[in-house]
Amino acid sequence: MPSEAINIGPRERTKRRLMGIVALAAGVGLAFVFVVTGAPRLLRLIIFFPIWIAGLGLMQSREKT
């Protein structure tokens, strides 16, 4: 019988959700600025990191791990 491993409480889930939302907003903002200013494609790879952090924070919040 599978059991869920819940190892963070409501307060930590809220912190991770907030971190995910802030990182997502930063990633979208950076993407917008880079596209509008015509930044080189290689520089646009920087967007990966805030989007990655956003994904981690939101997934951890949702899965309670």
N, C-alpha and C. Protein backbone atom coordinates (compact mmCIF):
# COMPACT_ATOMS: atom_id res chain seq x y z
N MET A 1 0.84 -1.17 0.00
CA MET A 1 0.00 0.00 0.00
C MET A 1 0.89 1.25 0.00
N PRO A 2 0.81 2.10 -1.04
CA PRO A 2 1.66 3.29 -1.08
C PRO A 2 1.20 4.33 -0.07
N SER A 3 2.16 4.95 0.54
CA SER A 3 1.84 6.02 1.48
C SER A 3 2.53 7.30 1.03
N GLU A 4 1.90 8.41 1.26
CA GLU A 4 2.47 9.69 0.88
C GLU A 4 3.49 10.12 1.91
N ALA A 5 4.59 10.64 1.43
CA ALA A 5 5.62 11.17 2.31
C ALA A 5 5.45 12.68 2.39
N ILE A 6 4.76 13.12 3.41
CA ILE A 6 4.55 14.55 3.61
C ILE A 6 5.54 15.00 4.68
N ASN A 7 6.50 15.81 4.24
CA ASN A 7 7.53 16.19 5.21
C ASN A 7 7.67 17.70 5.38
N ILE A 8 6.73 18.49 4.87
CA ILE A 8 6.75 19.92 5.16
C ILE A 8 5.36 20.35 5.61
N GLY A 9 5.36 21.29 6.50
CA GLY A 9 4.10 21.77 7.04
C GLY A 9 3.50 22.88 6.19
N PRO A 10 2.36 23.38 6.62
CA PRO A 10 1.67 24.42 5.85
C PRO A 10 2.49 25.70 5.70
N ARG A 11 3.24 26.04 6.71
CA ARG A 11 4.04 27.27 6.65
C ARG A 11 5.14 27.15 5.59
N GLU A 12 5.82 26.02 5.55
CA GLU A 12 6.88 25.80 4.56
C GLU A 12 6.29 25.70 3.15
N ARG A 13 5.13 25.10 3.01
CA ARG A 13 4.48 25.03 1.69
C ARG A 13 4.15 26.43 1.19
N THR A 14 3.70 27.29 2.09
CA THR A 14 3.40 28.67 1.71
C THR A 14 4.66 29.39 1.27
N LYS A 15 5.78 29.18 1.98
CA LYS A 15 7.04 29.81 1.60
C LYS A 15 7.50 29.33 0.23
N ARG A 16 7.38 28.04 -0.03
CA ARG A 16 7.83 27.50 -1.31
C ARG A 16 6.91 27.96 -2.45
N ARG A 17 5.62 28.06 -2.19
CA ARG A 17 4.69 28.56 -3.20
C ARG A 17 5.02 30.01 -3.53
N LEU A 18 5.28 30.82 -2.51
CA LEU A 18 5.63 32.22 -2.73
C LEU A 18 6.95 32.33 -3.51
N MET A 19 7.94 31.51 -3.16
CA MET A 19 9.20 31.51 -3.88
C MET A 19 8.97 31.15 -5.35
N GLY A 20 8.11 30.17 -5.59
CA GLY A 20 7.81 29.76 -6.96
C GLY A 20 7.14 30.86 -7.75
N ILE A 21 6.21 31.55 -7.14
CA ILE A 21 5.49 32.62 -7.82
C ILE A 21 6.42 33.79 -8.12
N VAL A 22 7.27 34.14 -7.16
CA VAL A 22 8.23 35.25 -7.37
C VAL A 22 9.23 34.88 -8.46
N ALA A 23 9.74 33.66 -8.44
CA ALA A 23 10.70 33.23 -9.46
C ALA A 23 10.04 33.17 -10.83
N LEU A 24 8.79 32.75 -10.89
CA LEU A 24 8.07 32.73 -12.16
C LEU A 24 7.88 34.14 -12.70
N ALA A 25 7.52 35.06 -11.84
CA ALA A 25 7.36 36.45 -12.26
C ALA A 25 8.69 37.03 -12.74
N ALA A 26 9.77 36.70 -12.04
CA ALA A 26 11.09 37.18 -12.46
C ALA A 26 11.48 36.60 -13.81
N GLY A 27 11.20 35.32 -14.02
CA GLY A 27 11.52 34.68 -15.30
C GLY A 27 10.73 35.27 -16.45
N VAL A 28 9.44 35.49 -16.23
CA VAL A 28 8.60 36.08 -17.27
C VAL A 28 9.03 37.52 -17.54
N GLY A 29 9.36 38.25 -16.49
CA GLY A 29 9.84 39.63 -16.66
C GLY A 29 11.14 39.69 -17.43
N LEU A 30 12.08 38.80 -17.08
CA LEU A 30 13.34 38.74 -17.82
C LEU A 30 13.11 38.38 -19.28
N ALA A 31 12.25 37.41 -19.52
CA ALA A 31 11.96 37.01 -20.89
C ALA A 31 11.40 38.18 -21.68
N PHE A 32 10.49 38.91 -21.09
CA PHE A 32 9.90 40.07 -21.76
C PHE A 32 10.97 41.11 -22.09
N VAL A 33 11.80 41.42 -21.11
CA VAL A 33 12.86 42.42 -21.32
C VAL A 33 13.83 41.96 -22.40
N PHE A 34 14.23 40.69 -22.36
CA PHE A 34 15.18 40.18 -23.35
C PHE A 34 14.60 40.20 -24.76
N VAL A 35 13.34 39.87 -24.89
CA VAL A 35 12.72 39.86 -26.22
C VAL A 35 12.54 41.29 -26.74
N VAL A 36 12.08 42.19 -25.88
CA VAL A 36 11.85 43.57 -26.29
C VAL A 36 13.16 44.26 -26.69
N THR A 37 14.23 43.99 -25.93
CA THR A 37 15.51 44.65 -26.22
C THR A 37 16.29 43.94 -27.31
N GLY A 38 15.84 42.78 -27.74
CA GLY A 38 16.54 42.05 -28.79
C GLY A 38 17.85 41.44 -28.32
N ALA A 39 17.85 40.93 -27.09
CA ALA A 39 19.05 40.32 -26.53
C ALA A 39 19.44 39.07 -27.33
N PRO A 40 20.73 38.77 -27.40
CA PRO A 40 21.16 37.57 -28.12
C PRO A 40 20.57 36.30 -27.50
N ARG A 41 20.41 35.29 -28.33
CA ARG A 41 19.79 34.04 -27.84
C ARG A 41 20.58 33.41 -26.70
N LEU A 42 21.88 33.48 -26.75
CA LEU A 42 22.69 32.88 -25.69
C LEU A 42 22.41 33.54 -24.34
N LEU A 43 22.22 34.84 -24.35
CA LEU A 43 21.91 35.56 -23.12
C LEU A 43 20.53 35.17 -22.59
N ARG A 44 19.63 34.82 -23.49
CA ARG A 44 18.27 34.44 -23.09
C ARG A 44 18.24 33.13 -22.30
N LEU A 45 19.32 32.36 -22.34
CA LEU A 45 19.38 31.12 -21.56
C LEU A 45 19.32 31.38 -20.06
N ILE A 46 19.62 32.59 -19.66
CA ILE A 46 19.56 32.96 -18.24
C ILE A 46 18.15 32.75 -17.70
N ILE A 47 17.15 32.85 -18.55
CA ILE A 47 15.75 32.69 -18.14
C ILE A 47 15.50 31.29 -17.57
N PHE A 48 16.30 30.32 -17.97
CA PHE A 48 16.12 28.95 -17.50
C PHE A 48 16.13 28.86 -15.98
N PHE A 49 17.04 29.57 -15.33
CA PHE A 49 17.23 29.40 -13.88
C PHE A 49 16.03 29.87 -13.05
N PRO A 50 15.49 31.07 -13.27
CA PRO A 50 14.31 31.42 -12.46
C PRO A 50 13.09 30.55 -12.78
N ILE A 51 12.95 30.13 -14.04
CA ILE A 51 11.82 29.26 -14.38
C ILE A 51 12.00 27.89 -13.71
N TRP A 52 13.21 27.40 -13.67
CA TRP A 52 13.51 26.11 -13.02
C TRP A 52 13.20 26.19 -11.52
N ILE A 53 13.65 27.27 -10.89
CA ILE A 53 13.40 27.46 -9.46
C ILE A 53 11.89 27.58 -9.21
N ALA A 54 11.19 28.26 -10.10
CA ALA A 54 9.73 28.39 -9.96
C ALA A 54 9.07 27.02 -10.04
N GLY A 55 9.49 26.22 -10.99
CA GLY A 55 8.93 24.87 -11.12
C GLY A 55 9.17 24.04 -9.87
N LEU A 56 10.39 24.10 -9.36
CA LEU A 56 10.70 23.33 -8.14
C LEU A 56 9.85 23.79 -6.97
N GLY A 57 9.78 25.08 -6.75
CA GLY A 57 9.01 25.61 -5.62
C GLY A 57 7.54 25.27 -5.71
N LEU A 58 6.95 25.42 -6.88
CA LEU A 58 5.53 25.14 -7.03
C LEU A 58 5.23 23.65 -6.94
N MET A 59 6.10 22.82 -7.51
CA MET A 59 5.88 21.37 -7.41
C MET A 59 6.03 20.89 -5.97
N GLN A 60 7.05 21.38 -5.27
CA GLN A 60 7.24 20.97 -3.89
C GLN A 60 6.08 21.42 -3.02
N SER A 61 5.55 22.59 -3.29
CA SER A 61 4.40 23.06 -2.54
C SER A 61 3.19 22.18 -2.79
N ARG A 62 2.97 21.83 -4.04
CA ARG A 62 1.79 21.02 -4.40
C ARG A 62 1.91 19.59 -3.86
N GLU A 63 3.10 19.01 -3.96
CA GLU A 63 3.30 17.62 -3.55
C GLU A 63 3.59 17.47 -2.05
N LYS A 64 3.80 18.58 -1.36
CA LYS A 64 4.06 18.59 0.09
C LYS A 64 5.33 17.83 0.45
N THR A 65 6.35 17.97 -0.38
CA THR A 65 7.63 17.31 -0.08
C THR A 65 8.75 18.31 0.01
